[in-house]
Every structure is written in structure tokens, then in C-alpha cells.
Amino acid sequence: MVPTDSSKPRRPLSSAAAVLAESTDDAAFATTLAKGLVVLEAFEAGSTLLGNMELSTLTGIPRPTVARLTHTLAELGYLRYDAERAKYRVGARALRMAYPLLAGMQFRQVARPMMQELAHSVRGTVSIGLLDATSMIYVETARSGDVGPHVPDIGMPIPIVMTAMGRAAAATLPPADADRLERNIAAEDAGLWSAFRDKYRAGIAQCKSRGFCSCLGEYMASIHAVAAPLFHVRESKQSFSINCGIPAFRLQPGQLEGEIGPRIAALADGIRTIVGQEGPAVETRKQSKRT
């Protein structure tokens, strides 16, 4: 898969549709509920207004079933019906569902001013991501001015295997979880895993030895990025990382790894210190402090 400069985010590798397809023999699995979530996941950036036929085509669910699901979701407030266009858009109640998750990440408020300072300094974006199956989900972001075609926002998904943020988050995982993640990525998209496996593993190794890893246009050709592991919360099984993305034309030779990489590692170490979290490895934290 070749990365492009499109501003539309890639659909997450692991989705409700994939889980639904794999759970046909699970008697405890609520198929109707899953289909409703599949319909909700069909709405993404660039597809914000969809009719029942379009949703049926996108999800593979028969149109009569889609019509019942969209009607129910609209009655509950998770979709909103546009009578003039005879189509649906996501309703405000869907946004309410994200609040309990974000409210549990109070370190974002601590990190935000430091993230904004770095973003202004390098004229790029600085974001925190949460590992979700085989994707990363942005949970906080700061940016400075025109940052190019990729404008991160809270809730936006990006793939783990081909991004610095994803590789840095994988570096926080316990060994058994890291092995499981590799198997899941390979099972869901063998071609993507084959293309990026070596760079993915090299990025994890870089995080453990230098405190950060880099990605030179592998996800979006015009954006170069560095990322550092933040921490893994054992109780909730949440893994976080922080990245800095900059339009390639703004970078001087060697600047990304020589200057910005150590700065993102130092920022990660500062956030961990303030919130009292441990990093993925002692040598990573020591390197960040030296930087």
C-alpha cells in the first residue's frame, strides 16, 4: 500500500465489520448491535452524509436492514436525518460517548501547553495517540499555522505499522502483547505487514535505544514525523505515544533526527515525570533526560 497526501484518514484496519465477520459462530455475540456499530463506523471524514443505499454498499448489510438500523440510531440520537437530502449524518450523542474515555486521560491537560510550545517552535503538529487494536487514535493534538495536508484531530485513526506514533506505542507493550499485535497486523493485512514489517520493528528498536523513532513520509509522503513512547497503563491496557509531524519542505537535512527527535523524547519524559508514570524502558528515560 502506497501512502498518499490525501487528507482523508485511512479506515482503521480493525473494525466492527471485521469483528462481525469473524463472530458468526459466537452464540453470545449480539449481531444486531454489531451491525449498528458497523453503520456508525461507515461515517468518516469525507463521508459525513450518507443514505441507506450508500451505507448498504459500504457495509455489505442489506438495505432493508440498514434502513431499520439508521431509523433506530436516529431515534436514539446517534444519527441525524436530513430530510431535504434523505440522508443521515452523525448525531451529537455519538460525541457524548467519547467524553468518559477522554475524561479519564487527565494527563492531556498537563501535556497540552508543552505540546503547543513545541508545535509552535517547529511549525508542525504535536499529538498524543492511544493504541486501539491495529490503529492509533488521536486523543490530544496541538498545531501551529499551516501544517500541510495532514491535520490531526481528536478521534482520527491512523495505522500502527506505517507510522512513527504507532511504532512508539508498540514499544510500550509487554512482550506478549507486542507479539499478539504483530500477529493481528499480519492477519488483517498481510501485504501491509510485509511491506512495513522491517521498518516497524526497527522503529520499536529505535524507541528502546534512543527514546524516539522516525518516519520519513511512509504514511504521507509530504509529512515527516518522529514519535516517542509515553506509557502503558496496565490496569486499563492502554498504551500511549506522542509524535511530532512536520511538512518535509520545512526540514533542514538531519534536523528531524538530530534536533526534533530528542526534543519529542524529552517532552515524553517530562510528561511522564509530571504525571508519575513509568516509561517503557529505563534506558529510554535516561536518554531523554540526557537530551
C-alpha atoms as a PDB file:
ATOM      1  CA  MET A   1       0.000   0.000   0.000  1.00  0.00           C
ATOM      2  CA  VAL A   2       1.461   3.328  -1.073  1.00  0.00           C
ATOM      3  CA  PRO A   3       0.867   6.300   1.252  1.00  0.00           C
ATOM      4  CA  THR A   4      -0.682   9.373  -0.304  1.00  0.00           C
ATOM      5  CA  ASP A   5      -1.078  13.048   0.540  1.00  0.00           C
ATOM      6  CA  SER A   6      -4.858  12.773   0.841  1.00  0.00           C
ATOM      7  CA  SER A   7      -6.257  14.488   3.918  1.00  0.00           C
ATOM      8  CA  LYS A   8      -8.776  11.688   4.331  1.00  0.00           C
ATOM      9  CA  PRO A   9      -7.632   9.249   7.047  1.00  0.00           C
ATOM     10  CA  ARG A  10      -7.333   5.583   6.276  1.00  0.00           C
ATOM     11  CA  ARG A  11     -10.076   3.362   7.637  1.00  0.00           C
ATOM     12  CA  PRO A  12      -8.812   1.524  10.735  1.00  0.00           C
ATOM     13  CA  LEU A  13      -7.543  -1.950   9.988  1.00  0.00           C
ATOM     14  CA  SER A  14      -9.563  -3.469  12.827  1.00  0.00           C
ATOM     15  CA  SER A  15     -13.234  -2.508  12.548  1.00  0.00           C
ATOM     16  CA  ALA A  16     -16.661  -3.542  13.748  1.00  0.00           C
ATOM     17  CA  ALA A  17     -17.230  -5.051  10.295  1.00  0.00           C
ATOM     18  CA  ALA A  18     -14.164  -7.288  10.661  1.00  0.00           C
ATOM     19  CA  VAL A  19     -15.219  -8.430  14.129  1.00  0.00           C
ATOM     20  CA  LEU A  20     -18.750  -9.090  12.890  1.00  0.00           C
ATOM     21  CA  ALA A  21     -17.436 -11.264  10.073  1.00  0.00           C
ATOM     22  CA  GLU A  22     -15.324 -13.300  12.479  1.00  0.00           C
ATOM     23  CA  SER A  23     -18.063 -13.825  15.093  1.00  0.00           C
ATOM     24  CA  THR A  24     -20.715 -15.721  13.154  1.00  0.00           C
ATOM     25  CA  ASP A  25     -20.254 -18.823  15.339  1.00  0.00           C
ATOM     26  CA  ASP A  26     -20.285 -16.952  18.657  1.00  0.00           C
ATOM     27  CA  ALA A  27     -23.681 -17.555  20.278  1.00  0.00           C
ATOM     28  CA  ALA A  28     -23.089 -14.778  22.816  1.00  0.00           C
ATOM     29  CA  PHE A  29     -22.294 -12.198  20.138  1.00  0.00           C
ATOM     30  CA  ALA A  30     -25.037  -9.541  19.648  1.00  0.00           C
ATOM     31  CA  THR A  31     -25.154  -9.428  15.865  1.00  0.00           C
ATOM     32  CA  THR A  32     -27.757  -6.670  15.579  1.00  0.00           C
ATOM     33  CA  LEU A  33     -25.801  -4.399  17.902  1.00  0.00           C
ATOM     34  CA  ALA A  34     -22.643  -5.079  15.911  1.00  0.00           C
ATOM     35  CA  LYS A  35     -24.383  -4.190  12.657  1.00  0.00           C
ATOM     36  CA  GLY A  36     -25.492  -0.905  14.160  1.00  0.00           C
ATOM     37  CA  LEU A  37     -21.898  -0.105  15.074  1.00  0.00           C
ATOM     38  CA  VAL A  38     -20.772  -1.098  11.580  1.00  0.00           C
ATOM     39  CA  VAL A  39     -23.194   1.501  10.210  1.00  0.00           C
ATOM     40  CA  LEU A  40     -21.854   4.150  12.589  1.00  0.00           C
ATOM     41  CA  GLU A  41     -18.262   3.360  11.592  1.00  0.00           C
ATOM     42  CA  ALA A  42     -19.121   3.919   7.937  1.00  0.00           C
ATOM     43  CA  PHE A  43     -19.290   7.641   8.680  1.00  0.00           C
ATOM     44  CA  GLU A  44     -15.775   9.023   8.439  1.00  0.00           C
ATOM     45  CA  ALA A  45     -14.023  12.119   7.183  1.00  0.00           C
ATOM     46  CA  GLY A  46     -15.209  12.704   3.623  1.00  0.00           C
ATOM     47  CA  SER A  47     -18.319  10.541   4.159  1.00  0.00           C
ATOM     48  CA  THR A  48     -20.281  12.631   6.609  1.00  0.00           C
ATOM     49  CA  LEU A  49     -23.651  12.480   4.803  1.00  0.00           C
ATOM     50  CA  LEU A  50     -24.835   9.037   3.689  1.00  0.00           C
ATOM     51  CA  GLY A  51     -28.085   7.478   2.526  1.00  0.00           C
ATOM     52  CA  ASN A  52     -29.296   3.953   3.204  1.00  0.00           C
ATOM     53  CA  MET A  53     -28.188   2.680  -0.206  1.00  0.00           C
ATOM     54  CA  GLU A  54     -24.717   4.144   0.231  1.00  0.00           C
ATOM     55  CA  LEU A  55     -24.467   2.638   3.704  1.00  0.00           C
ATOM     56  CA  SER A  56     -25.555  -0.720   2.371  1.00  0.00           C
ATOM     57  CA  THR A  57     -22.845  -0.584  -0.293  1.00  0.00           C
ATOM     58  CA  LEU A  58     -20.170   0.472   2.209  1.00  0.00           C
ATOM     59  CA  THR A  59     -21.063  -2.097   4.862  1.00  0.00           C
ATOM     60  CA  GLY A  60     -22.376  -5.047   2.863  1.00  0.00           C
ATOM     61  CA  ILE A  61     -25.504  -5.084   5.028  1.00  0.00           C
ATOM     62  CA  PRO A  62     -28.787  -5.442   3.076  1.00  0.00           C
ATOM     63  CA  ARG A  63     -30.601  -2.149   2.517  1.00  0.00           C
ATOM     64  CA  PRO A  64     -33.776  -3.087   4.456  1.00  0.00           C
ATOM     65  CA  THR A  65     -31.643  -3.946   7.479  1.00  0.00           C
ATOM     66  CA  VAL A  66     -29.668  -0.720   7.094  1.00  0.00           C
ATOM     67  CA  ALA A  67     -32.939   1.245   6.960  1.00  0.00           C
ATOM     68  CA  ARG A  68     -34.056  -0.232  10.290  1.00  0.00           C
ATOM     69  CA  LEU A  69     -30.677   0.421  11.865  1.00  0.00           C
ATOM     70  CA  THR A  70     -30.446   4.037  10.699  1.00  0.00           C
ATOM     71  CA  HIS A  71     -34.003   4.739  11.855  1.00  0.00           C
ATOM     72  CA  THR A  72     -33.238   3.301  15.290  1.00  0.00           C
ATOM     73  CA  LEU A  73     -29.928   5.158  15.574  1.00  0.00           C
ATOM     74  CA  ALA A  74     -31.642   8.401  14.581  1.00  0.00           C
ATOM     75  CA  GLU A  75     -34.373   7.889  17.188  1.00  0.00           C
ATOM     76  CA  LEU A  76     -31.631   7.394  19.800  1.00  0.00           C
ATOM     77  CA  GLY A  77     -29.738  10.487  18.678  1.00  0.00           C
ATOM     78  CA  TYR A  78     -26.641   8.777  17.320  1.00  0.00           C
ATOM     79  CA  LEU A  79     -27.618   9.728  13.760  1.00  0.00           C
ATOM     80  CA  ARG A  80     -29.483  12.778  12.483  1.00  0.00           C
ATOM     81  CA  TYR A  81     -31.772  12.563   9.466  1.00  0.00           C
ATOM     82  CA  ASP A  82     -31.510  15.238   6.787  1.00  0.00           C
ATOM     83  CA  ALA A  83     -34.998  15.184   5.252  1.00  0.00           C
ATOM     84  CA  GLU A  84     -34.055  17.529   2.415  1.00  0.00           C
ATOM     85  CA  ARG A  85     -31.350  15.154   1.164  1.00  0.00           C
ATOM     86  CA  ALA A  86     -32.903  11.940   2.521  1.00  0.00           C
ATOM     87  CA  LYS A  87     -29.578  11.072   4.126  1.00  0.00           C
ATOM     88  CA  TYR A  88     -28.064  10.700   7.572  1.00  0.00           C
ATOM     89  CA  ARG A  89     -25.198  12.338   9.404  1.00  0.00           C
ATOM     90  CA  VAL A  90     -23.669  11.517  12.794  1.00  0.00           C
ATOM     91  CA  GLY A  91     -25.655  12.967  15.697  1.00  0.00           C
ATOM     92  CA  ALA A  92     -24.389  14.826  18.743  1.00  0.00           C
ATOM     93  CA  ARG A  93     -24.995  11.868  21.060  1.00  0.00           C
ATOM     94  CA  ALA A  94     -22.198   9.941  19.350  1.00  0.00           C
ATOM     95  CA  LEU A  95     -19.759  12.624  20.502  1.00  0.00           C
ATOM     96  CA  ARG A  96     -21.036  12.279  24.080  1.00  0.00           C
ATOM     97  CA  MET A  97     -19.809   8.673  24.113  1.00  0.00           C
ATOM     98  CA  ALA A  98     -16.197   9.843  23.788  1.00  0.00           C
ATOM     99  CA  TYR A  99     -16.283  12.056  26.875  1.00  0.00           C
ATOM    100  CA  PRO A 100     -15.906   9.349  29.573  1.00  0.00           C
ATOM    101  CA  LEU A 101     -12.855   7.993  27.771  1.00  0.00           C
ATOM    102  CA  LEU A 102     -11.201  11.383  27.321  1.00  0.00           C
ATOM    103  CA  ALA A 103     -12.075  12.475  30.855  1.00  0.00           C
ATOM    104  CA  GLY A 104     -10.086   9.517  32.163  1.00  0.00           C
ATOM    105  CA  MET A 105      -6.953  10.862  30.455  1.00  0.00           C
ATOM    106  CA  GLN A 106      -6.295  13.852  32.687  1.00  0.00           C
ATOM    107  CA  PHE A 107      -2.626  13.911  31.706  1.00  0.00           C
ATOM    108  CA  ARG A 108      -3.744  15.512  28.437  1.00  0.00           C
ATOM    109  CA  GLN A 109      -4.391  18.791  30.258  1.00  0.00           C
ATOM    110  CA  VAL A 110      -0.900  18.657  31.751  1.00  0.00           C
ATOM    111  CA  ALA A 111       0.689  17.890  28.395  1.00  0.00           C
ATOM    112  CA  ARG A 112      -1.227  20.387  26.228  1.00  0.00           C
ATOM    113  CA  PRO A 113       0.792  23.580  26.992  1.00  0.00           C
ATOM    114  CA  MET A 114       4.094  21.776  26.461  1.00  0.00           C
ATOM    115  CA  MET A 115       2.805  20.252  23.240  1.00  0.00           C
ATOM    116  CA  GLN A 116       1.676  23.646  21.958  1.00  0.00           C
ATOM    117  CA  GLU A 117       5.062  25.179  22.732  1.00  0.00           C
ATOM    118  CA  LEU A 118       6.891  22.533  20.724  1.00  0.00           C
ATOM    119  CA  ALA A 119       4.384  22.736  17.855  1.00  0.00           C
ATOM    120  CA  HIS A 120       4.931  26.498  17.554  1.00  0.00           C
ATOM    121  CA  SER A 121       8.685  26.094  17.810  1.00  0.00           C
ATOM    122  CA  VAL A 122       8.975  23.630  14.926  1.00  0.00           C
ATOM    123  CA  ARG A 123       5.929  24.852  12.939  1.00  0.00           C
ATOM    124  CA  GLY A 124       4.279  21.457  12.929  1.00  0.00           C
ATOM    125  CA  THR A 125       1.881  19.312  14.915  1.00  0.00           C
ATOM    126  CA  VAL A 126       2.378  17.524  18.228  1.00  0.00           C
ATOM    127  CA  SER A 127      -0.149  14.842  19.125  1.00  0.00           C
ATOM    128  CA  ILE A 128      -0.817  12.096  21.643  1.00  0.00           C
ATOM    129  CA  GLY A 129      -2.229   8.808  20.394  1.00  0.00           C
ATOM    130  CA  LEU A 130      -3.881   5.804  22.038  1.00  0.00           C
ATOM    131  CA  LEU A 131      -3.348   2.300  20.681  1.00  0.00           C
ATOM    132  CA  ASP A 132      -6.640   0.730  19.537  1.00  0.00           C
ATOM    133  CA  ALA A 133      -6.360  -2.753  18.055  1.00  0.00           C
ATOM    134  CA  THR A 134      -4.147  -2.173  14.986  1.00  0.00           C
ATOM    135  CA  SER A 135      -4.729   1.583  14.804  1.00  0.00           C
ATOM    136  CA  MET A 136      -3.724   4.674  16.721  1.00  0.00           C
ATOM    137  CA  ILE A 137      -6.441   7.129  17.760  1.00  0.00           C
ATOM    138  CA  TYR A 138      -5.553  10.778  18.343  1.00  0.00           C
ATOM    139  CA  VAL A 139      -6.629  11.851  21.850  1.00  0.00           C
ATOM    140  CA  GLU A 140      -4.868  15.244  22.008  1.00  0.00           C
ATOM    141  CA  THR A 141      -3.217  17.481  19.440  1.00  0.00           C
ATOM    142  CA  ALA A 142      -1.582  20.885  19.079  1.00  0.00           C
ATOM    143  CA  ARG A 143      -0.557  22.603  15.867  1.00  0.00           C
ATOM    144  CA  SER A 144       0.961  25.787  14.549  1.00  0.00           C
ATOM    145  CA  GLY A 145      -0.336  27.520  11.441  1.00  0.00           C
ATOM    146  CA  ASP A 146      -0.351  25.707   8.118  1.00  0.00           C
ATOM    147  CA  VAL A 147       0.831  22.169   8.776  1.00  0.00           C
ATOM    148  CA  GLY A 148       0.203  20.690   5.344  1.00  0.00           C
ATOM    149  CA  PRO A 149      -2.377  18.140   4.153  1.00  0.00           C
ATOM    150  CA  HIS A 150      -2.500  16.056   7.326  1.00  0.00           C
ATOM    151  CA  VAL A 151      -4.289  17.922  10.121  1.00  0.00           C
ATOM    152  CA  PRO A 152      -4.653  15.621  13.148  1.00  0.00           C
ATOM    153  CA  ASP A 153      -7.798  15.879  15.241  1.00  0.00           C
ATOM    154  CA  ILE A 154      -9.157  14.053  18.270  1.00  0.00           C
ATOM    155  CA  GLY A 155     -10.721  10.742  17.278  1.00  0.00           C
ATOM    156  CA  MET A 156      -8.867  10.442  13.956  1.00  0.00           C
ATOM    157  CA  PRO A 157      -7.400   6.952  13.316  1.00  0.00           C
ATOM    158  CA  ILE A 158      -4.065   6.156  11.666  1.00  0.00           C
ATOM    159  CA  PRO A 159      -2.423   2.744  11.120  1.00  0.00           C
ATOM    160  CA  ILE A 160       0.146   1.498  13.618  1.00  0.00           C
ATOM    161  CA  VAL A 161       2.522  -0.329  11.322  1.00  0.00           C
ATOM    162  CA  MET A 162       3.432   2.542   8.976  1.00  0.00           C
ATOM    163  CA  THR A 163       3.566   5.461  11.428  1.00  0.00           C
ATOM    164  CA  ALA A 164       6.087   6.675  13.987  1.00  0.00           C
ATOM    165  CA  MET A 165       3.284   7.155  16.519  1.00  0.00           C
ATOM    166  CA  GLY A 166       2.175   3.546  16.115  1.00  0.00           C
ATOM    167  CA  ARG A 167       5.670   2.121  16.439  1.00  0.00           C
ATOM    168  CA  ALA A 168       6.333   4.222  19.545  1.00  0.00           C
ATOM    169  CA  ALA A 169       3.118   2.985  21.160  1.00  0.00           C
ATOM    170  CA  ALA A 170       4.038  -0.616  20.344  1.00  0.00           C
ATOM    171  CA  ALA A 171       7.325  -0.045  22.168  1.00  0.00           C
ATOM    172  CA  THR A 172       5.375   0.399  25.424  1.00  0.00           C
ATOM    173  CA  LEU A 173       3.742  -3.027  25.247  1.00  0.00           C
ATOM    174  CA  PRO A 174       4.678  -6.045  27.356  1.00  0.00           C
ATOM    175  CA  PRO A 175       6.335  -8.750  25.190  1.00  0.00           C
ATOM    176  CA  ALA A 176       3.267 -10.989  24.978  1.00  0.00           C
ATOM    177  CA  ASP A 177       1.053  -8.096  23.901  1.00  0.00           C
ATOM    178  CA  ALA A 178       3.645  -6.931  21.366  1.00  0.00           C
ATOM    179  CA  ASP A 179       3.762 -10.402  19.798  1.00  0.00           C
ATOM    180  CA  ARG A 180      -0.033 -10.547  19.660  1.00  0.00           C
ATOM    181  CA  LEU A 181      -0.159  -7.166  17.966  1.00  0.00           C
ATOM    182  CA  GLU A 182       2.247  -8.306  15.251  1.00  0.00           C
ATOM    183  CA  ARG A 183       0.113 -11.396  14.587  1.00  0.00           C
ATOM    184  CA  ASN A 184      -3.046  -9.285  14.360  1.00  0.00           C
ATOM    185  CA  ILE A 185      -1.496  -6.821  11.920  1.00  0.00           C
ATOM    186  CA  ALA A 186      -0.235  -9.653   9.726  1.00  0.00           C
ATOM    187  CA  ALA A 187      -3.592 -11.440   9.815  1.00  0.00           C
ATOM    188  CA  GLU A 188      -5.608  -8.349   8.917  1.00  0.00           C
ATOM    189  CA  ASP A 189      -3.410  -7.043   6.103  1.00  0.00           C
ATOM    190  CA  ALA A 190      -0.636  -9.381   5.029  1.00  0.00           C
ATOM    191  CA  GLY A 191       0.530  -7.047   2.251  1.00  0.00           C
ATOM    192  CA  LEU A 192       0.847  -4.058   4.554  1.00  0.00           C
ATOM    193  CA  TRP A 193       2.704  -6.118   7.150  1.00  0.00           C
ATOM    194  CA  SER A 194       5.104  -7.496   4.551  1.00  0.00           C
ATOM    195  CA  ALA A 195       5.825  -4.011   3.211  1.00  0.00           C
ATOM    196  CA  PHE A 196       6.440  -2.344   6.574  1.00  0.00           C
ATOM    197  CA  ARG A 197       7.439  -5.157   8.945  1.00  0.00           C
ATOM    198  CA  ASP A 198      11.157  -4.364   8.960  1.00  0.00           C
ATOM    199  CA  LYS A 199      10.649  -0.615   9.407  1.00  0.00           C
ATOM    200  CA  TYR A 200       8.063  -1.271  12.109  1.00  0.00           C
ATOM    201  CA  ARG A 201      10.438  -3.447  14.112  1.00  0.00           C
ATOM    202  CA  ALA A 202      13.328  -1.047  13.524  1.00  0.00           C
ATOM    203  CA  GLY A 203      11.179   1.796  14.858  1.00  0.00           C
ATOM    204  CA  ILE A 204      10.445  -0.119  18.054  1.00  0.00           C
ATOM    205  CA  ALA A 205      14.151  -0.841  18.471  1.00  0.00           C
ATOM    206  CA  GLN A 206      14.960   2.852  17.943  1.00  0.00           C
ATOM    207  CA  CYS A 207      12.485   3.817  20.656  1.00  0.00           C
ATOM    208  CA  LYS A 208      14.187   1.484  23.095  1.00  0.00           C
ATOM    209  CA  SER A 209      17.695   2.674  22.251  1.00  0.00           C
ATOM    210  CA  ARG A 210      17.222   6.390  21.504  1.00  0.00           C
ATOM    211  CA  GLY A 211      13.868   7.215  23.102  1.00  0.00           C
ATOM    212  CA  PHE A 212      12.193   8.022  19.749  1.00  0.00           C
ATOM    213  CA  CYS A 213      11.727   6.730  16.221  1.00  0.00           C
ATOM    214  CA  SER A 214      11.271   8.475  12.893  1.00  0.00           C
ATOM    215  CA  CYS A 215       9.041   8.040   9.854  1.00  0.00           C
ATOM    216  CA  LEU A 216      10.111   9.720   6.623  1.00  0.00           C
ATOM    217  CA  GLY A 217       6.944  10.025   4.567  1.00  0.00           C
ATOM    218  CA  GLU A 218       5.884   6.398   4.907  1.00  0.00           C
ATOM    219  CA  TYR A 219       2.297   7.250   5.855  1.00  0.00           C
ATOM    220  CA  MET A 220       2.038  10.550   3.978  1.00  0.00           C
ATOM    221  CA  ALA A 221       4.798  11.395   1.539  1.00  0.00           C
ATOM    222  CA  SER A 222       4.842  15.103   2.382  1.00  0.00           C
ATOM    223  CA  ILE A 223       4.958  14.663   6.179  1.00  0.00           C
ATOM    224  CA  HIS A 224       7.991  13.528   8.176  1.00  0.00           C
ATOM    225  CA  ALA A 225       7.494  12.607  11.806  1.00  0.00           C
ATOM    226  CA  VAL A 226       9.182  11.483  14.986  1.00  0.00           C
ATOM    227  CA  ALA A 227       7.468   9.851  17.956  1.00  0.00           C
ATOM    228  CA  ALA A 228       8.330   8.769  21.474  1.00  0.00           C
ATOM    229  CA  PRO A 229       6.688   6.195  23.745  1.00  0.00           C
ATOM    230  CA  LEU A 230       4.711   7.636  26.634  1.00  0.00           C
ATOM    231  CA  PHE A 231       3.478   4.810  28.862  1.00  0.00           C
ATOM    232  CA  HIS A 232       1.390   1.659  29.133  1.00  0.00           C
ATOM    233  CA  VAL A 233      -1.390   1.611  31.755  1.00  0.00           C
ATOM    234  CA  ARG A 234      -1.509  -1.980  32.921  1.00  0.00           C
ATOM    235  CA  GLU A 235      -4.931  -1.794  34.596  1.00  0.00           C
ATOM    236  CA  SER A 236      -6.774  -0.436  31.564  1.00  0.00           C
ATOM    237  CA  LYS A 237      -4.378  -1.924  28.990  1.00  0.00           C
ATOM    238  CA  GLN A 238      -3.964   1.483  27.363  1.00  0.00           C
ATOM    239  CA  SER A 239      -0.767   2.370  25.504  1.00  0.00           C
ATOM    240  CA  PHE A 240       0.095   5.973  24.611  1.00  0.00           C
ATOM    241  CA  SER A 241       2.737   7.670  22.494  1.00  0.00           C
ATOM    242  CA  ILE A 242       3.441  11.243  21.389  1.00  0.00           C
ATOM    243  CA  ASN A 243       4.570  12.404  17.959  1.00  0.00           C
ATOM    244  CA  CYS A 244       5.649  15.488  16.079  1.00  0.00           C
ATOM    245  CA  GLY A 245       4.851  15.823  12.380  1.00  0.00           C
ATOM    246  CA  ILE A 246       6.329  18.487  10.114  1.00  0.00           C
ATOM    247  CA  PRO A 247       5.936  19.195   6.375  1.00  0.00           C
ATOM    248  CA  ALA A 248       9.052  17.798   4.744  1.00  0.00           C
ATOM    249  CA  PHE A 249       9.874  21.027   2.908  1.00  0.00           C
ATOM    250  CA  ARG A 250      10.353  22.850   6.232  1.00  0.00           C
ATOM    251  CA  LEU A 251      13.052  20.492   7.493  1.00  0.00           C
ATOM    252  CA  GLN A 252      16.779  21.036   7.159  1.00  0.00           C
ATOM    253  CA  PRO A 253      18.961  17.961   6.476  1.00  0.00           C
ATOM    254  CA  GLY A 254      19.408  15.999   9.682  1.00  0.00           C
ATOM    255  CA  GLN A 255      17.084  18.257  11.668  1.00  0.00           C
ATOM    256  CA  LEU A 256      14.336  15.684  12.234  1.00  0.00           C
ATOM    257  CA  GLU A 257      16.508  13.111  13.993  1.00  0.00           C
ATOM    258  CA  GLY A 258      19.237  15.405  15.259  1.00  0.00           C
ATOM    259  CA  GLU A 259      17.039  18.070  16.861  1.00  0.00           C
ATOM    260  CA  ILE A 260      13.318  17.286  16.852  1.00  0.00           C
ATOM    261  CA  GLY A 261      13.614  13.601  17.778  1.00  0.00           C
ATOM    262  CA  PRO A 262      15.493  14.314  21.029  1.00  0.00           C
ATOM    263  CA  ARG A 263      13.018  17.097  21.814  1.00  0.00           C
ATOM    264  CA  ILE A 264       9.981  14.807  21.468  1.00  0.00           C
ATOM    265  CA  ALA A 265      11.744  12.215  23.647  1.00  0.00           C
ATOM    266  CA  ALA A 266      12.458  14.874  26.266  1.00  0.00           C
ATOM    267  CA  LEU A 267       8.836  16.040  26.125  1.00  0.00           C
ATOM    268  CA  ALA A 268       7.612  12.478  26.668  1.00  0.00           C
ATOM    269  CA  ASP A 269       9.942  12.094  29.626  1.00  0.00           C
ATOM    270  CA  GLY A 270       8.728  15.397  31.094  1.00  0.00           C
ATOM    271  CA  ILE A 271       5.074  14.341  30.813  1.00  0.00           C
ATOM    272  CA  ARG A 272       5.798  11.002  32.473  1.00  0.00           C
ATOM    273  CA  THR A 273       7.609  12.722  35.319  1.00  0.00           C
ATOM    274  CA  ILE A 274       4.766  15.158  35.974  1.00  0.00           C
ATOM    275  CA  VAL A 275       2.006  12.526  35.935  1.00  0.00           C
ATOM    276  CA  GLY A 276       4.041   9.875  37.747  1.00  0.00           C
ATOM    277  CA  GLN A 277       4.111   7.230  35.021  1.00  0.00           C
ATOM    278  CA  GLU A 278       6.974   4.921  34.123  1.00  0.00           C
ATOM    279  CA  GLY A 279       8.338   4.739  30.597  1.00  0.00           C
ATOM    280  CA  PRO A 280       8.743   1.508  28.603  1.00  0.00           C
ATOM    281  CA  ALA A 281      12.435   1.089  29.427  1.00  0.00           C
ATOM    282  CA  VAL A 282      14.980   2.576  31.829  1.00  0.00           C
ATOM    283  CA  GLU A 283      17.477   3.316  29.075  1.00  0.00           C
ATOM    284  CA  THR A 284      14.861   5.287  27.136  1.00  0.00           C
ATOM    285  CA  ARG A 285      14.085   7.516  30.094  1.00  0.00           C
ATOM    286  CA  LYS A 286      17.757   8.077  30.811  1.00  0.00           C
ATOM    287  CA  GLN A 287      18.461   9.082  27.239  1.00  0.00           C
ATOM    288  CA  SER A 288      15.545  11.538  27.276  1.00  0.00           C
ATOM    289  CA  LYS A 289      16.877  13.138  30.449  1.00  0.00           C
ATOM    290  CA  ARG A 290      20.364  13.480  28.996  1.00  0.00           C
ATOM    291  CA  THR A 291      18.819  15.126  25.934  1.00  0.00           C
END
